[in-house]
């Protein structure tokens, strides 16, 4: 594994409960001294949600909220302005709590295929229904991400930025499981080569910086993401089955980092930190991988975002990730 692909041992996924940007930034930076993240606070409403925030980043494409969801339009309206305003507020808070910081910093955005499976065209169908719309959307997102990364670098000049692309709908796009507006049919599966090429183009925006692709859906396509240039894959560890062993083993041996979501994303009783990563150790033994590689190859995270958790649990869950990562490093076997 090359040095530039090393990641810190633990971080968050992105979303947190509540609506206070300063409190969220304090939590995200205080929980992970060497791998903080830019929080998302969807409880504030449309535009602060995952889709709305990324729609607000688009260049020369705009989205507004309709009863059915987010729909693309020709000009920026109040929903676009609100999304950009909240992102600016979150960046202000992050900048305040990262003065003098030098180290990895993670920012998140929705990937091109989840955006295409969610954003509607004028006819009410999602962009996924139109290959041309998919291309335009991916190009707009890539340019918006380039500008966003520039802004984060300006605000936190000592940071080594890690870009996370959230792709919960990627599997649905690959398998033809994304429903039409009527709900009576599904859109045709997107060719895997097209999916891979589009992801590669968006990943390439973060030139010289690592990109993580996150999906908390089952059957994450590790090999495809690796070919598309992802330095790491973030996933819900509880959804793995033994049939994933071969692709995970190949990914690790090829230098791909695993962001293992082992801490539940909603309120529950937490086990001891060592217990939370017991499954990771078991996987390692099953794959026959060297225990010494474990801490170098795995970053511990919650299973998904923490927007649905209580504020108290969210803080505990992030602290638990850091403790579990230390357990993994101290006792890899």
Protein backbone atom coordinates (compact mmCIF):
# COMPACT_ATOMS: atom_id res chain seq x y z
CA UNK A 1 0.00 0.00 0.00
CA UNK A 2 1.57 3.28 -1.05
CA UNK A 3 2.06 6.02 1.51
CA UNK A 4 -0.25 8.49 -0.23
CA UNK A 5 -3.15 6.05 0.21
CA UNK A 6 -2.78 5.77 3.97
CA UNK A 7 -5.76 7.04 5.90
CA UNK A 8 -6.21 7.88 9.55
CA UNK A 9 -7.74 5.07 11.66
CA UNK A 10 -11.27 6.45 12.19
CA UNK A 11 -13.70 9.09 10.93
CA UNK A 12 -17.42 9.82 10.51
CA UNK A 13 -19.61 9.33 7.47
CA UNK A 14 -21.07 12.82 7.12
CA UNK A 15 -24.50 13.56 8.56
CA UNK A 16 -25.15 14.50 12.18
CA UNK A 17 -28.37 15.29 14.07
CA UNK A 18 -29.54 18.80 14.91
CA UNK A 19 -29.21 22.11 13.13
CA UNK A 20 -26.37 23.95 14.85
CA UNK A 21 -23.41 24.19 12.44
CA UNK A 22 -20.92 25.27 15.12
CA UNK A 23 -21.88 22.43 17.46
CA UNK A 24 -21.63 19.93 14.61
CA UNK A 25 -18.20 21.22 13.58
CA UNK A 26 -17.05 21.05 17.19
CA UNK A 27 -18.20 17.40 17.36
CA UNK A 28 -16.68 16.39 14.01
CA UNK A 29 -13.30 17.99 14.73
CA UNK A 30 -13.18 17.04 18.41
CA UNK A 31 -14.02 13.37 17.84
CA UNK A 32 -11.24 12.78 15.28
CA UNK A 33 -8.11 14.82 15.84
CA UNK A 34 -6.44 13.37 12.73
CA UNK A 35 -9.42 12.83 10.39
CA UNK A 36 -12.28 15.34 10.96
CA UNK A 37 -15.06 15.76 8.41
CA UNK A 38 -17.39 18.49 7.16
CA UNK A 39 -20.75 17.72 8.82
CA UNK A 40 -24.10 17.64 7.04
CA UNK A 41 -27.22 18.62 9.01
CA UNK A 42 -30.31 17.46 7.07
CA UNK A 43 -32.65 18.24 9.98
CA UNK A 44 -32.54 21.89 8.86
CA UNK A 45 -34.71 20.94 5.89
CA UNK A 46 -34.52 20.85 2.06
CA UNK A 47 -31.15 22.06 0.86
CA UNK A 48 -29.36 20.75 3.93
CA UNK A 49 -30.19 17.16 2.98
CA UNK A 50 -27.66 15.04 1.10
CA UNK A 51 -29.28 15.50 -2.33
CA UNK A 52 -30.07 19.17 -1.85
CA UNK A 53 -26.56 20.04 -0.73
CA UNK A 54 -24.98 18.38 -3.76
CA UNK A 55 -27.61 19.84 -6.10
CA UNK A 56 -26.57 23.24 -4.77
CA UNK A 57 -23.00 22.55 -5.92
CA UNK A 58 -23.99 21.94 -9.55
CA UNK A 59 -22.67 24.38 -12.16
CA UNK A 60 -25.14 25.73 -14.77
CA UNK A 61 -27.77 23.27 -13.54
CA UNK A 62 -30.20 24.12 -10.77
CA UNK A 63 -32.71 22.19 -8.74
CA UNK A 64 -35.84 23.07 -6.82
CA UNK A 65 -38.07 21.16 -4.44
CA UNK A 66 -41.30 19.77 -5.88
CA UNK A 67 -43.84 17.59 -4.01
CA UNK A 68 -42.23 14.54 -5.64
CA UNK A 69 -38.66 15.55 -4.77
CA UNK A 70 -35.82 17.58 -6.27
CA UNK A 71 -36.31 18.64 -9.91
CA UNK A 72 -33.80 20.22 -12.30
CA UNK A 73 -34.62 23.62 -13.77
CA UNK A 74 -33.08 26.48 -15.75
CA UNK A 75 -32.36 29.07 -13.09
CA UNK A 76 -31.37 29.22 -9.43
CA UNK A 77 -34.34 29.64 -7.11
CA UNK A 78 -34.71 29.91 -3.37
CA UNK A 79 -33.95 26.21 -2.83
CA UNK A 80 -30.59 26.48 -4.59
CA UNK A 81 -29.79 29.68 -2.68
CA UNK A 82 -30.77 28.05 0.61
CA UNK A 83 -28.57 25.01 -0.09
CA UNK A 84 -25.58 27.21 -0.89
CA UNK A 85 -26.20 29.39 2.15
CA UNK A 86 -26.23 26.40 4.50
CA UNK A 87 -23.08 24.98 2.93
CA UNK A 88 -21.40 28.35 3.45
CA UNK A 89 -22.52 28.33 7.10
CA UNK A 90 -21.08 24.83 7.55
CA UNK A 91 -17.80 25.85 5.95
CA UNK A 92 -17.59 28.92 8.21
CA UNK A 93 -18.00 26.68 11.26
CA UNK A 94 -15.47 24.13 9.98
CA UNK A 95 -12.95 26.90 9.30
CA UNK A 96 -13.39 28.20 12.84
CA UNK A 97 -12.60 24.82 14.41
CA UNK A 98 -9.70 23.90 12.08
CA UNK A 99 -7.48 26.94 12.57
CA UNK A 100 -3.89 25.77 12.09
CA UNK A 101 -5.01 22.20 11.36
CA UNK A 102 -2.70 20.03 9.27
CA UNK A 103 -3.87 16.56 8.37
CA UNK A 104 -6.61 14.69 6.56
CA UNK A 105 -10.01 16.33 6.25
CA UNK A 106 -13.00 14.61 4.63
CA UNK A 107 -15.73 16.35 2.66
CA UNK A 108 -18.77 14.56 1.20
CA UNK A 109 -20.95 14.93 -1.86
CA UNK A 110 -23.48 12.71 -3.61
CA UNK A 111 -21.98 10.79 -6.52
CA UNK A 112 -23.19 11.09 -10.13
CA UNK A 113 -25.30 7.92 -10.21
CA UNK A 114 -27.23 8.58 -7.01
CA UNK A 115 -27.88 12.13 -8.22
CA UNK A 116 -29.07 10.74 -11.57
CA UNK A 117 -31.33 8.27 -9.79
CA UNK A 118 -32.85 11.01 -7.62
CA UNK A 119 -32.99 14.34 -9.48
CA UNK A 120 -36.02 14.66 -11.75
CA UNK A 121 -36.17 16.11 -15.25
CA UNK A 122 -39.03 18.39 -16.39
CA UNK A 123 -41.15 15.37 -17.34
CA UNK A 124 -40.97 14.02 -13.80
CA UNK A 125 -38.72 11.08 -14.64
CA UNK A 126 -35.31 10.93 -12.98
CA UNK A 127 -32.21 11.90 -14.96
CA UNK A 128 -31.22 8.23 -15.05
CA UNK A 129 -33.89 7.77 -17.75
CA UNK A 130 -31.89 9.94 -20.20
CA UNK A 131 -28.23 9.11 -21.03
CA UNK A 132 -27.61 12.67 -22.22
CA UNK A 133 -28.98 14.09 -18.98
CA UNK A 134 -26.72 11.72 -17.05
CA UNK A 135 -23.67 13.01 -18.92
CA UNK A 136 -24.63 16.65 -18.38
CA UNK A 137 -25.31 16.04 -14.69
CA UNK A 138 -21.96 14.28 -14.15
CA UNK A 139 -20.07 17.09 -15.92
CA UNK A 140 -21.90 19.74 -13.88
CA UNK A 141 -21.19 17.86 -10.65
CA UNK A 142 -17.50 17.45 -11.54
CA UNK A 143 -17.09 21.20 -12.09
CA UNK A 144 -19.04 21.99 -8.91
CA UNK A 145 -16.85 19.62 -6.89
CA UNK A 146 -13.71 21.19 -8.33
CA UNK A 147 -14.87 24.61 -7.11
CA UNK A 148 -15.96 23.22 -3.74
CA UNK A 149 -12.58 21.55 -3.15
CA UNK A 150 -10.84 24.81 -4.04
CA UNK A 151 -12.96 26.62 -1.46
CA UNK A 152 -12.18 24.07 1.26
CA UNK A 153 -8.44 24.32 0.48
CA UNK A 154 -8.64 28.10 0.78
CA UNK A 155 -10.38 27.90 4.15
CA UNK A 156 -8.25 25.08 5.62
CA UNK A 157 -4.92 25.45 3.81
CA UNK A 158 -3.08 22.86 5.90
CA UNK A 159 -5.61 20.10 5.19
CA UNK A 160 -5.06 17.09 2.96
CA UNK A 161 -8.56 16.78 1.57
CA UNK A 162 -10.27 13.43 1.13
CA UNK A 163 -13.38 13.51 -1.08
CA UNK A 164 -16.18 11.07 -0.28
CA UNK A 165 -18.78 10.35 -2.95
CA UNK A 166 -22.02 8.97 -1.51
CA UNK A 167 -23.55 6.40 -3.87
CA UNK A 168 -26.42 4.57 -2.13
CA UNK A 169 -28.31 4.23 -5.45
CA UNK A 170 -25.37 2.88 -7.44
CA UNK A 171 -26.45 -0.76 -7.06
CA UNK A 172 -30.00 0.10 -8.16
CA UNK A 173 -28.67 1.87 -11.27
CA UNK A 174 -26.47 -1.11 -12.16
CA UNK A 175 -29.28 -3.62 -11.68
CA UNK A 176 -32.16 -1.71 -13.24
CA UNK A 177 -33.95 -1.32 -9.89
CA UNK A 178 -34.60 2.45 -9.97
CA UNK A 179 -38.35 2.98 -10.29
CA UNK A 180 -40.04 5.20 -12.84
CA UNK A 181 -42.22 8.14 -11.81
CA UNK A 182 -45.34 5.98 -12.05
CA UNK A 183 -43.79 3.31 -9.87
CA UNK A 184 -45.05 0.60 -12.25
CA UNK A 185 -41.76 -0.05 -14.00
CA UNK A 186 -38.04 0.38 -13.50
CA UNK A 187 -35.47 2.19 -15.59
CA UNK A 188 -33.12 0.10 -17.68
CA UNK A 189 -29.87 -0.96 -16.02
CA UNK A 190 -26.94 1.30 -16.89
CA UNK A 191 -24.05 -0.40 -18.65
CA UNK A 192 -21.26 -1.14 -16.16
CA UNK A 193 -18.62 0.40 -18.43
CA UNK A 194 -20.61 3.64 -18.60
CA UNK A 195 -21.01 3.65 -14.80
CA UNK A 196 -17.30 3.06 -14.33
CA UNK A 197 -16.21 5.68 -16.89
CA UNK A 198 -18.51 8.33 -15.39
CA UNK A 199 -17.27 7.63 -11.88
CA UNK A 200 -13.68 7.78 -13.11
CA UNK A 201 -14.30 11.23 -14.59
CA UNK A 202 -15.78 12.56 -11.33
CA UNK A 203 -13.11 10.89 -9.18
CA UNK A 204 -10.50 12.50 -11.42
CA UNK A 205 -11.61 15.98 -10.34
CA UNK A 206 -9.74 15.47 -7.07
CA UNK A 207 -6.41 15.24 -8.88
CA UNK A 208 -3.67 14.13 -6.54
CA UNK A 209 -6.13 13.56 -3.69
CA UNK A 210 -7.81 10.36 -2.53
CA UNK A 211 -11.49 9.64 -3.15
CA UNK A 212 -13.67 7.35 -1.02
CA UNK A 213 -16.91 5.96 -2.43
CA UNK A 214 -19.52 5.28 0.24
CA UNK A 215 -22.53 3.00 -0.09
CA UNK A 216 -24.48 1.51 2.79
CA UNK A 217 -26.41 -0.79 0.39
CA UNK A 218 -25.74 -4.54 0.04
CA UNK A 219 -23.42 -5.94 -2.66
CA UNK A 220 -21.12 -2.94 -3.04
CA UNK A 221 -19.20 -3.36 -6.35
CA UNK A 222 -15.69 -3.19 -4.89
CA UNK A 223 -13.90 -4.18 -8.10
CA UNK A 224 -15.75 -1.61 -10.25
CA UNK A 225 -15.06 1.18 -7.74
CA UNK A 226 -11.42 0.22 -7.59
CA UNK A 227 -11.12 0.36 -11.39
CA UNK A 228 -12.84 3.76 -11.37
CA UNK A 229 -10.02 5.12 -9.20
CA UNK A 230 -11.48 5.00 -5.69
CA UNK A 231 -8.69 4.87 -3.12
CA UNK A 232 -11.12 3.51 -0.53
CA UNK A 233 -14.59 2.00 -0.28
CA UNK A 234 -16.89 2.85 2.62
CA UNK A 235 -19.63 0.35 3.49
CA UNK A 236 -21.92 -1.07 6.16
CA UNK A 237 -19.89 -3.97 7.53
CA UNK A 238 -23.00 -5.79 8.79
CA UNK A 239 -24.20 -6.28 5.18
CA UNK A 240 -21.14 -8.27 4.11
CA UNK A 241 -21.48 -11.99 3.44
CA UNK A 242 -18.85 -14.61 2.80
CA UNK A 243 -19.50 -14.34 -0.93
CA UNK A 244 -17.88 -10.87 -0.72
CA UNK A 245 -14.61 -12.38 0.59
CA UNK A 246 -12.84 -12.74 -2.75
CA UNK A 247 -13.50 -9.19 -3.99
CA UNK A 248 -12.56 -7.72 -0.61
CA UNK A 249 -9.36 -9.74 -0.49
CA UNK A 250 -8.45 -8.59 -4.00
CA UNK A 251 -9.26 -4.97 -3.11
CA UNK A 252 -7.07 -5.02 0.01
CA UNK A 253 -4.18 -6.71 -1.79
CA UNK A 254 -4.53 -4.12 -4.57
CA UNK A 255 -4.12 -1.28 -2.06
CA UNK A 256 -7.76 -0.24 -1.61
CA UNK A 257 -8.54 1.01 1.88
CA UNK A 258 -11.68 -0.27 3.62
CA UNK A 259 -13.84 2.18 5.54
CA UNK A 260 -15.62 -0.40 7.69
CA UNK A 261 -18.94 0.80 9.09
CA UNK A 262 -19.11 -1.17 12.32
CA UNK A 263 -20.87 1.23 14.72
CA UNK A 264 -24.70 1.43 14.32
CA UNK A 265 -26.02 4.72 12.95
CA UNK A 266 -29.05 4.99 15.24
CA UNK A 267 -29.37 4.85 19.01
CA UNK A 268 -28.53 1.49 20.51
CA UNK A 269 -26.46 0.02 23.32
CA UNK A 270 -22.83 -0.05 22.19
CA UNK A 271 -20.60 -3.04 22.90
CA UNK A 272 -17.05 -2.57 24.12
CA UNK A 273 -14.82 -1.10 21.36
CA UNK A 274 -12.95 -4.38 20.87
CA UNK A 275 -16.27 -6.16 20.32
CA UNK A 276 -17.25 -3.69 17.61
CA UNK A 277 -14.28 -4.70 15.45
CA UNK A 278 -14.36 -8.42 16.23
CA UNK A 279 -16.02 -9.10 12.87
CA UNK A 280 -13.22 -7.24 11.08
CA UNK A 281 -10.61 -9.45 12.76
CA UNK A 282 -12.65 -12.54 11.83
CA UNK A 283 -12.83 -11.42 8.19
CA UNK A 284 -9.07 -10.89 8.17
CA UNK A 285 -8.42 -14.40 9.43
CA UNK A 286 -10.88 -15.83 6.88
CA UNK A 287 -9.09 -14.01 4.07
CA UNK A 288 -5.70 -15.19 5.29
CA UNK A 289 -4.36 -11.64 5.34
CA UNK A 290 -1.47 -10.59 7.58
CA UNK A 291 -2.75 -9.15 10.90
CA UNK A 292 -0.15 -6.42 10.74
CA UNK A 293 -1.89 -5.02 7.66
CA UNK A 294 -5.18 -4.59 9.49
CA UNK A 295 -4.75 -1.14 11.02
CA UNK A 296 -3.11 0.10 7.82
CA UNK A 297 -5.93 -1.15 5.59
CA UNK A 298 -9.04 -0.38 7.67
CA UNK A 299 -10.60 2.91 8.80
CA UNK A 300 -13.39 2.51 11.36
CA UNK A 301 -16.63 4.46 10.82
CA UNK A 302 -20.32 4.36 11.74
CA UNK A 303 -22.36 2.08 9.47
CA UNK A 304 -23.98 5.10 7.81
CA UNK A 305 -24.76 8.74 8.58
CA UNK A 306 -25.90 9.72 12.08
CA UNK A 307 -28.72 12.13 11.15
CA UNK A 308 -31.31 9.77 12.66
CA UNK A 309 -29.51 9.44 15.97
CA UNK A 310 -29.87 11.53 19.13
CA UNK A 311 -27.12 14.14 19.60
CA UNK A 312 -25.82 12.30 22.65
CA UNK A 313 -25.65 8.96 20.82
CA UNK A 314 -23.99 10.58 17.78
CA UNK A 315 -21.18 11.92 19.97
CA UNK A 316 -20.80 8.52 21.67
CA UNK A 317 -20.79 6.69 18.33
CA UNK A 318 -17.99 8.86 16.91
CA UNK A 319 -15.91 8.45 20.08
CA UNK A 320 -16.59 4.70 19.92
CA UNK A 321 -15.20 4.57 16.35
CA UNK A 322 -11.95 6.15 17.54
CA UNK A 323 -11.71 3.72 20.47
CA UNK A 324 -12.48 0.71 18.26
CA UNK A 325 -9.76 1.77 15.80
CA UNK A 326 -7.24 1.94 18.65
CA UNK A 327 -8.29 -1.58 19.70
CA UNK A 328 -7.72 -2.80 16.14
CA UNK A 329 -4.25 -1.25 16.03
CA UNK A 330 -3.25 -2.50 19.50
CA UNK A 331 -4.60 -6.04 19.08
CA UNK A 332 -4.84 -6.93 15.37
CA UNK A 333 -5.16 -10.64 16.17
